[in-house]
């Protein structure tokens, strides 16, 4: 039985802006693909309230452009932690507070200028996007009352910020200064807890309950759906977070099957990248791929992040 990679016809949208049309795709893709021999290097983080410790499950994190610094949302301690990945030591932390509110940080990305874009989740319509310096100074905030109950966020290579409103089941994309660029409804049943984006600016949405992953153009047009056939050896059992390497291969955390699967930019299965049998994974849920060839992931309910290094295959 063949895998299902379903391609979609155009979906109507009032927003057709495409910032990639002027610069060309080649100028936004760089780095190395995630491929070859993998070595489990180390893990960072443990439970607690001190430096380098986390109050609960680490669900949202990212890495600096040079791959040297980890930025992690410490949701339960309501702060952002910075950790030096070279020596595995904490650098500093700052609270995810703005405008008199204490927020839970549930999504973080590094903008092109090095500032941090954080999905700040609050109560009663207070949720917003916050832009912080790496030192913790608030640069700006926006989206209150427009992004709704934001449960997931991704930022693409052109600093386009995309969030999911879990109440209205609506995806909204805005610029880093808060200008709304477009909205659409992905037509997915159940919560969307994670989002991803590739170097073309396409939005990657895991459909957890359908055991599939859908790729959308920024204007909301659904391009294709990845749904590996049952019995193929790589069918999903609750896909969690998604990420892309520098070649736009899509990495999917397959929570129920305890593995990370790699698909091409067109949705074709390539390989099982990490697995329970070979790499000791247990319910991997969140993932980041770096241009330097590393994959960082966290597992359900754990207070650490595992770091895997990919290099040329050994013979």
Protein backbone atom coordinates (compact mmCIF):
# COMPACT_ATOMS: atom_id res chain seq x y z
CA UNK A 1 0.00 0.00 0.00
CA UNK A 2 1.46 3.35 -1.01
CA UNK A 3 1.81 6.35 1.28
CA UNK A 4 -0.74 9.10 1.02
CA UNK A 5 0.68 12.44 -0.12
CA UNK A 6 -2.49 14.28 -1.05
CA UNK A 7 -2.09 17.47 -3.09
CA UNK A 8 -4.74 20.18 -2.85
CA UNK A 9 -6.24 22.60 -5.33
CA UNK A 10 -6.31 26.31 -4.57
CA UNK A 11 -8.23 27.58 -1.54
CA UNK A 12 -9.68 31.08 -1.73
CA UNK A 13 -7.95 33.75 0.34
CA UNK A 14 -8.00 37.51 0.55
CA UNK A 15 -4.28 37.65 1.35
CA UNK A 16 -1.82 36.92 -1.44
CA UNK A 17 1.32 38.69 -0.21
CA UNK A 18 4.51 36.71 -0.85
CA UNK A 19 7.78 38.33 0.35
CA UNK A 20 9.82 35.58 -1.34
CA UNK A 21 8.81 36.61 -4.86
CA UNK A 22 11.36 39.44 -4.96
CA UNK A 23 14.42 37.86 -3.36
CA UNK A 24 14.24 34.31 -4.74
CA UNK A 25 14.27 31.08 -2.77
CA UNK A 26 18.01 30.41 -3.06
CA UNK A 27 18.90 33.39 -0.91
CA UNK A 28 16.99 32.14 2.14
CA UNK A 29 18.22 28.52 2.24
CA UNK A 30 21.67 27.77 3.66
CA UNK A 31 23.44 25.35 5.93
CA UNK A 32 23.61 21.57 5.84
CA UNK A 33 20.88 18.93 5.63
CA UNK A 34 20.23 16.62 8.55
CA UNK A 35 21.70 13.38 7.22
CA UNK A 36 24.32 10.74 7.95
CA UNK A 37 25.81 9.28 11.15
CA UNK A 38 24.15 10.38 14.38
CA UNK A 39 25.76 10.64 17.77
CA UNK A 40 23.88 11.37 21.00
CA UNK A 41 26.00 14.11 22.55
CA UNK A 42 24.39 15.15 25.80
CA UNK A 43 21.31 16.57 27.45
CA UNK A 44 20.67 19.81 29.30
CA UNK A 45 18.20 20.73 32.03
CA UNK A 46 16.69 19.12 35.11
CA UNK A 47 13.74 19.78 37.43
CA UNK A 48 13.88 22.71 39.84
CA UNK A 49 13.76 26.47 40.17
CA UNK A 50 17.46 27.30 39.99
CA UNK A 51 19.61 28.28 37.00
CA UNK A 52 19.43 25.68 34.26
CA UNK A 53 16.50 23.98 35.96
CA UNK A 54 12.89 23.82 34.77
CA UNK A 55 9.60 23.73 36.64
CA UNK A 56 8.11 21.10 34.34
CA UNK A 57 8.06 19.58 30.89
CA UNK A 58 10.19 21.60 28.43
CA UNK A 59 7.91 22.13 25.45
CA UNK A 60 9.18 25.20 23.60
CA UNK A 61 12.79 26.07 22.75
CA UNK A 62 15.03 27.33 19.96
CA UNK A 63 18.71 27.92 19.21
CA UNK A 64 20.69 31.02 18.21
CA UNK A 65 21.71 31.41 14.56
CA UNK A 66 25.27 30.29 15.32
CA UNK A 67 24.03 27.22 17.18
CA UNK A 68 25.78 28.16 20.42
CA UNK A 69 22.93 29.32 22.69
CA UNK A 70 19.75 27.52 23.71
CA UNK A 71 16.67 29.65 24.45
CA UNK A 72 14.08 27.65 26.38
CA UNK A 73 10.63 28.50 27.73
CA UNK A 74 10.42 27.58 31.41
CA UNK A 75 6.62 27.64 31.38
CA UNK A 76 5.90 26.82 35.01
CA UNK A 77 8.52 29.23 36.38
CA UNK A 78 7.28 31.88 33.88
CA UNK A 79 10.71 32.72 32.53
CA UNK A 80 13.05 32.27 29.56
CA UNK A 81 16.34 30.49 30.16
CA UNK A 82 19.52 30.93 28.12
CA UNK A 83 22.00 28.05 28.19
CA UNK A 84 25.47 27.84 26.64
CA UNK A 85 25.41 24.67 24.57
CA UNK A 86 29.19 24.34 24.38
CA UNK A 87 29.70 23.91 28.12
CA UNK A 88 26.08 23.12 29.10
CA UNK A 89 26.00 25.95 31.63
CA UNK A 90 23.18 28.48 32.20
CA UNK A 91 23.89 32.03 31.06
CA UNK A 92 20.96 33.87 32.61
CA UNK A 93 17.15 33.92 32.73
CA UNK A 94 14.50 36.62 32.46
CA UNK A 95 10.76 36.66 33.29
CA UNK A 96 8.14 36.50 30.54
CA UNK A 97 6.37 39.59 31.91
CA UNK A 98 4.98 42.56 30.00
CA UNK A 99 2.62 45.45 30.61
CA UNK A 100 1.92 44.39 34.18
CA UNK A 101 1.00 40.80 33.26
CA UNK A 102 2.78 37.53 33.96
CA UNK A 103 2.61 35.27 30.92
CA UNK A 104 3.39 31.66 30.17
CA UNK A 105 5.82 31.52 27.27
CA UNK A 106 4.53 28.89 24.84
CA UNK A 107 6.60 29.37 21.73
CA UNK A 108 9.94 31.04 21.01
CA UNK A 109 11.96 31.85 17.89
CA UNK A 110 15.03 33.93 17.03
CA UNK A 111 14.42 36.78 14.58
CA UNK A 112 16.94 37.74 11.90
CA UNK A 113 18.27 40.62 14.04
CA UNK A 114 18.88 38.29 17.00
CA UNK A 115 15.90 39.38 19.08
CA UNK A 116 13.51 36.79 20.50
CA UNK A 117 9.90 36.41 19.40
CA UNK A 118 7.84 34.85 22.19
CA UNK A 119 4.24 33.62 22.24
CA UNK A 120 3.05 35.02 25.58
CA UNK A 121 -0.11 33.25 26.73
CA UNK A 122 -2.39 34.88 29.31
CA UNK A 123 -6.01 34.87 30.44
CA UNK A 124 -9.09 36.75 29.26
CA UNK A 125 -7.76 38.00 25.94
CA UNK A 126 -4.40 39.22 27.22
CA UNK A 127 -2.31 36.83 25.08
CA UNK A 128 0.10 38.60 22.75
CA UNK A 129 3.38 38.32 20.88
CA UNK A 130 6.37 39.77 22.70
CA UNK A 131 9.67 40.84 21.15
CA UNK A 132 12.57 40.70 23.62
CA UNK A 133 16.29 41.25 23.41
CA UNK A 134 18.39 38.24 24.45
CA UNK A 135 19.09 40.14 27.68
CA UNK A 136 15.36 40.22 28.47
CA UNK A 137 14.42 43.81 27.59
CA UNK A 138 10.96 44.18 26.06
CA UNK A 139 11.21 45.75 22.61
CA UNK A 140 7.53 45.59 21.66
CA UNK A 141 4.35 43.59 22.04
CA UNK A 142 1.29 43.24 19.84
CA UNK A 143 -1.64 41.00 18.96
CA UNK A 144 -3.75 41.42 22.09
CA UNK A 145 -7.35 40.81 21.07
CA UNK A 146 -6.41 39.71 17.53
CA UNK A 147 -4.37 36.51 17.90
CA UNK A 148 -6.90 35.09 20.37
CA UNK A 149 -5.97 32.10 22.53
CA UNK A 150 -2.60 31.42 20.91
CA UNK A 151 -1.63 27.79 21.45
CA UNK A 152 1.15 27.46 18.85
CA UNK A 153 3.61 29.72 17.00
CA UNK A 154 6.21 29.55 14.26
CA UNK A 155 8.46 32.18 12.66
CA UNK A 156 9.79 31.75 9.11
CA UNK A 157 13.06 32.90 7.54
CA UNK A 158 11.58 36.31 6.66
CA UNK A 159 10.40 37.00 10.25
CA UNK A 160 6.77 36.29 9.42
CA UNK A 161 5.11 35.25 12.68
CA UNK A 162 2.30 32.69 12.51
CA UNK A 163 0.09 31.74 15.46
CA UNK A 164 -2.81 29.35 15.99
CA UNK A 165 -5.93 30.51 17.86
CA UNK A 166 -7.30 27.36 19.49
CA UNK A 167 -10.75 28.83 20.18
CA UNK A 168 -11.50 30.11 16.70
CA UNK A 169 -9.33 27.43 15.03
CA UNK A 170 -7.76 30.22 12.99
CA UNK A 171 -4.18 30.74 11.83
CA UNK A 172 -2.96 34.35 11.72
CA UNK A 173 0.29 35.56 10.17
CA UNK A 174 1.79 38.96 10.96
CA UNK A 175 5.01 40.87 10.45
CA UNK A 176 7.44 41.41 13.30
CA UNK A 177 5.99 44.91 13.82
CA UNK A 178 2.50 43.47 14.29
CA UNK A 179 0.92 44.10 10.87
CA UNK A 180 -1.60 41.37 10.04
CA UNK A 181 -0.60 39.70 6.75
CA UNK A 182 -3.30 37.07 6.52
CA UNK A 183 -5.66 34.67 8.27
CA UNK A 184 -7.17 31.31 7.36
CA UNK A 185 -8.90 28.32 8.88
CA UNK A 186 -6.97 25.05 8.40
CA UNK A 187 -10.13 22.92 8.65
CA UNK A 188 -8.66 20.62 11.27
CA UNK A 189 -10.64 18.90 13.99
CA UNK A 190 -9.21 19.09 17.50
CA UNK A 191 -6.39 21.18 18.93
CA UNK A 192 -3.33 22.22 16.93
CA UNK A 193 -0.59 22.34 19.53
CA UNK A 194 2.45 22.96 17.30
CA UNK A 195 3.31 24.72 14.04
CA UNK A 196 6.37 24.72 11.81
CA UNK A 197 7.59 26.62 8.74
CA UNK A 198 10.08 26.00 5.94
CA UNK A 199 12.49 28.20 4.00
CA UNK A 200 9.77 29.03 1.47
CA UNK A 201 7.53 30.44 4.19
CA UNK A 202 5.10 27.52 4.00
CA UNK A 203 3.27 26.66 7.22
CA UNK A 204 3.45 23.07 8.44
CA UNK A 205 0.58 21.92 10.64
CA UNK A 206 0.49 18.55 12.44
CA UNK A 207 -3.05 17.17 12.53
CA UNK A 208 -2.66 15.19 15.74
CA UNK A 209 -5.95 13.31 15.69
CA UNK A 210 -5.85 12.49 11.96
CA UNK A 211 -2.26 11.19 12.21
CA UNK A 212 -1.19 13.46 9.37
CA UNK A 213 0.78 16.62 8.61
CA UNK A 214 -0.54 19.33 6.27
CA UNK A 215 1.58 21.92 4.44
CA UNK A 216 -0.01 25.30 3.61
CA UNK A 217 1.16 28.23 1.53
CA UNK A 218 1.34 31.51 3.55
CA UNK A 219 -1.94 32.61 1.92
CA UNK A 220 -3.76 29.58 3.32
CA UNK A 221 -3.72 27.34 0.27
CA UNK A 222 -3.28 23.72 1.33
CA UNK A 223 -0.48 22.20 -0.78
CA UNK A 224 -0.33 18.58 0.37
CA UNK A 225 -0.97 16.23 3.28
CA UNK A 226 1.47 13.64 4.57
CA UNK A 227 -0.35 10.58 5.85
CA UNK A 228 1.81 7.45 5.62
CA UNK A 229 -0.15 4.28 5.04
CA UNK A 230 -0.85 2.04 8.00
CA UNK A 231 1.56 -0.88 7.86
CA UNK A 232 4.15 1.07 5.86
CA UNK A 233 6.54 1.11 8.80
CA UNK A 234 6.41 4.90 9.12
CA UNK A 235 2.73 5.67 9.70
CA UNK A 236 2.08 8.20 12.46
CA UNK A 237 0.69 7.57 15.91
CA UNK A 238 -0.01 11.13 17.11
CA UNK A 239 2.43 13.45 15.29
CA UNK A 240 3.72 16.13 17.65
CA UNK A 241 6.05 19.00 16.75
CA UNK A 242 7.53 19.47 13.29
CA UNK A 243 10.73 21.16 12.13
CA UNK A 244 12.68 21.65 8.90
CA UNK A 245 16.37 21.25 8.18
CA UNK A 246 18.18 23.68 5.87
CA UNK A 247 17.13 21.66 2.81
CA UNK A 248 13.46 21.86 3.86
CA UNK A 249 13.25 18.20 4.75
CA UNK A 250 10.40 17.91 7.26
CA UNK A 251 11.14 16.26 10.61
CA UNK A 252 8.11 14.91 12.47
CA UNK A 253 8.02 13.85 16.12
CA UNK A 254 5.99 10.63 16.07
CA UNK A 255 4.99 10.59 19.74
CA UNK A 256 3.22 7.24 19.90
CA UNK A 257 5.83 5.37 17.87
CA UNK A 258 8.75 6.92 19.81
CA UNK A 259 10.65 8.16 16.77
CA UNK A 260 11.47 11.11 14.52
CA UNK A 261 10.71 10.64 10.81
CA UNK A 262 12.17 12.63 7.92
CA UNK A 263 10.23 13.53 4.77
CA UNK A 264 11.32 15.49 1.71
CA UNK A 265 10.05 19.02 1.06
CA UNK A 266 7.39 17.41 -1.16
CA UNK A 267 6.21 15.03 1.55
CA UNK A 268 7.98 11.84 0.43
CA UNK A 269 9.32 9.54 3.15
CA UNK A 270 13.13 9.56 3.40
CA UNK A 271 14.17 7.83 6.62
CA UNK A 272 13.55 7.20 10.29
CA UNK A 273 15.98 9.73 11.70
CA UNK A 274 15.82 8.81 15.41
CA UNK A 275 14.12 5.89 17.13
CA UNK A 276 13.50 4.22 20.45
CA UNK A 277 15.53 1.16 19.52
CA UNK A 278 18.62 2.97 18.22
CA UNK A 279 18.59 6.23 20.16
CA UNK A 280 16.50 5.62 23.28
CA UNK A 281 13.64 7.98 22.41
CA UNK A 282 10.51 7.89 24.53
CA UNK A 283 7.52 9.96 23.34
CA UNK A 284 9.47 12.72 21.56
CA UNK A 285 7.26 15.78 21.28
CA UNK A 286 9.25 18.95 20.47
CA UNK A 287 12.13 19.35 18.04
CA UNK A 288 14.54 21.94 16.62
CA UNK A 289 16.98 21.37 13.74
CA UNK A 290 20.02 23.65 13.38
CA UNK A 291 22.04 24.57 10.25
CA UNK A 292 25.09 23.20 12.08
CA UNK A 293 23.68 19.66 11.84
CA UNK A 294 22.24 19.21 15.33
CA UNK A 295 18.80 18.06 16.37
CA UNK A 296 17.46 19.05 19.78
CA UNK A 297 14.36 17.39 21.16
CA UNK A 298 12.36 17.03 24.34
CA UNK A 299 10.20 14.14 25.46
CA UNK A 300 6.74 14.20 27.02
CA UNK A 301 6.75 15.30 30.68
CA UNK A 302 10.57 15.51 30.89
CA UNK A 303 12.64 18.45 32.14
CA UNK A 304 15.62 18.00 29.85
CA UNK A 305 16.49 18.45 26.18
CA UNK A 306 18.43 15.79 24.27
CA UNK A 307 20.98 16.91 21.69
CA UNK A 308 21.95 14.76 18.72
CA UNK A 309 24.82 15.58 16.36
CA UNK A 310 24.67 14.51 12.70
CA UNK A 311 27.84 14.19 10.63
CA UNK A 312 29.22 12.20 7.70
CA UNK A 313 28.39 8.53 8.04
CA UNK A 314 31.13 6.36 9.53
CA UNK A 315 32.31 3.24 7.68
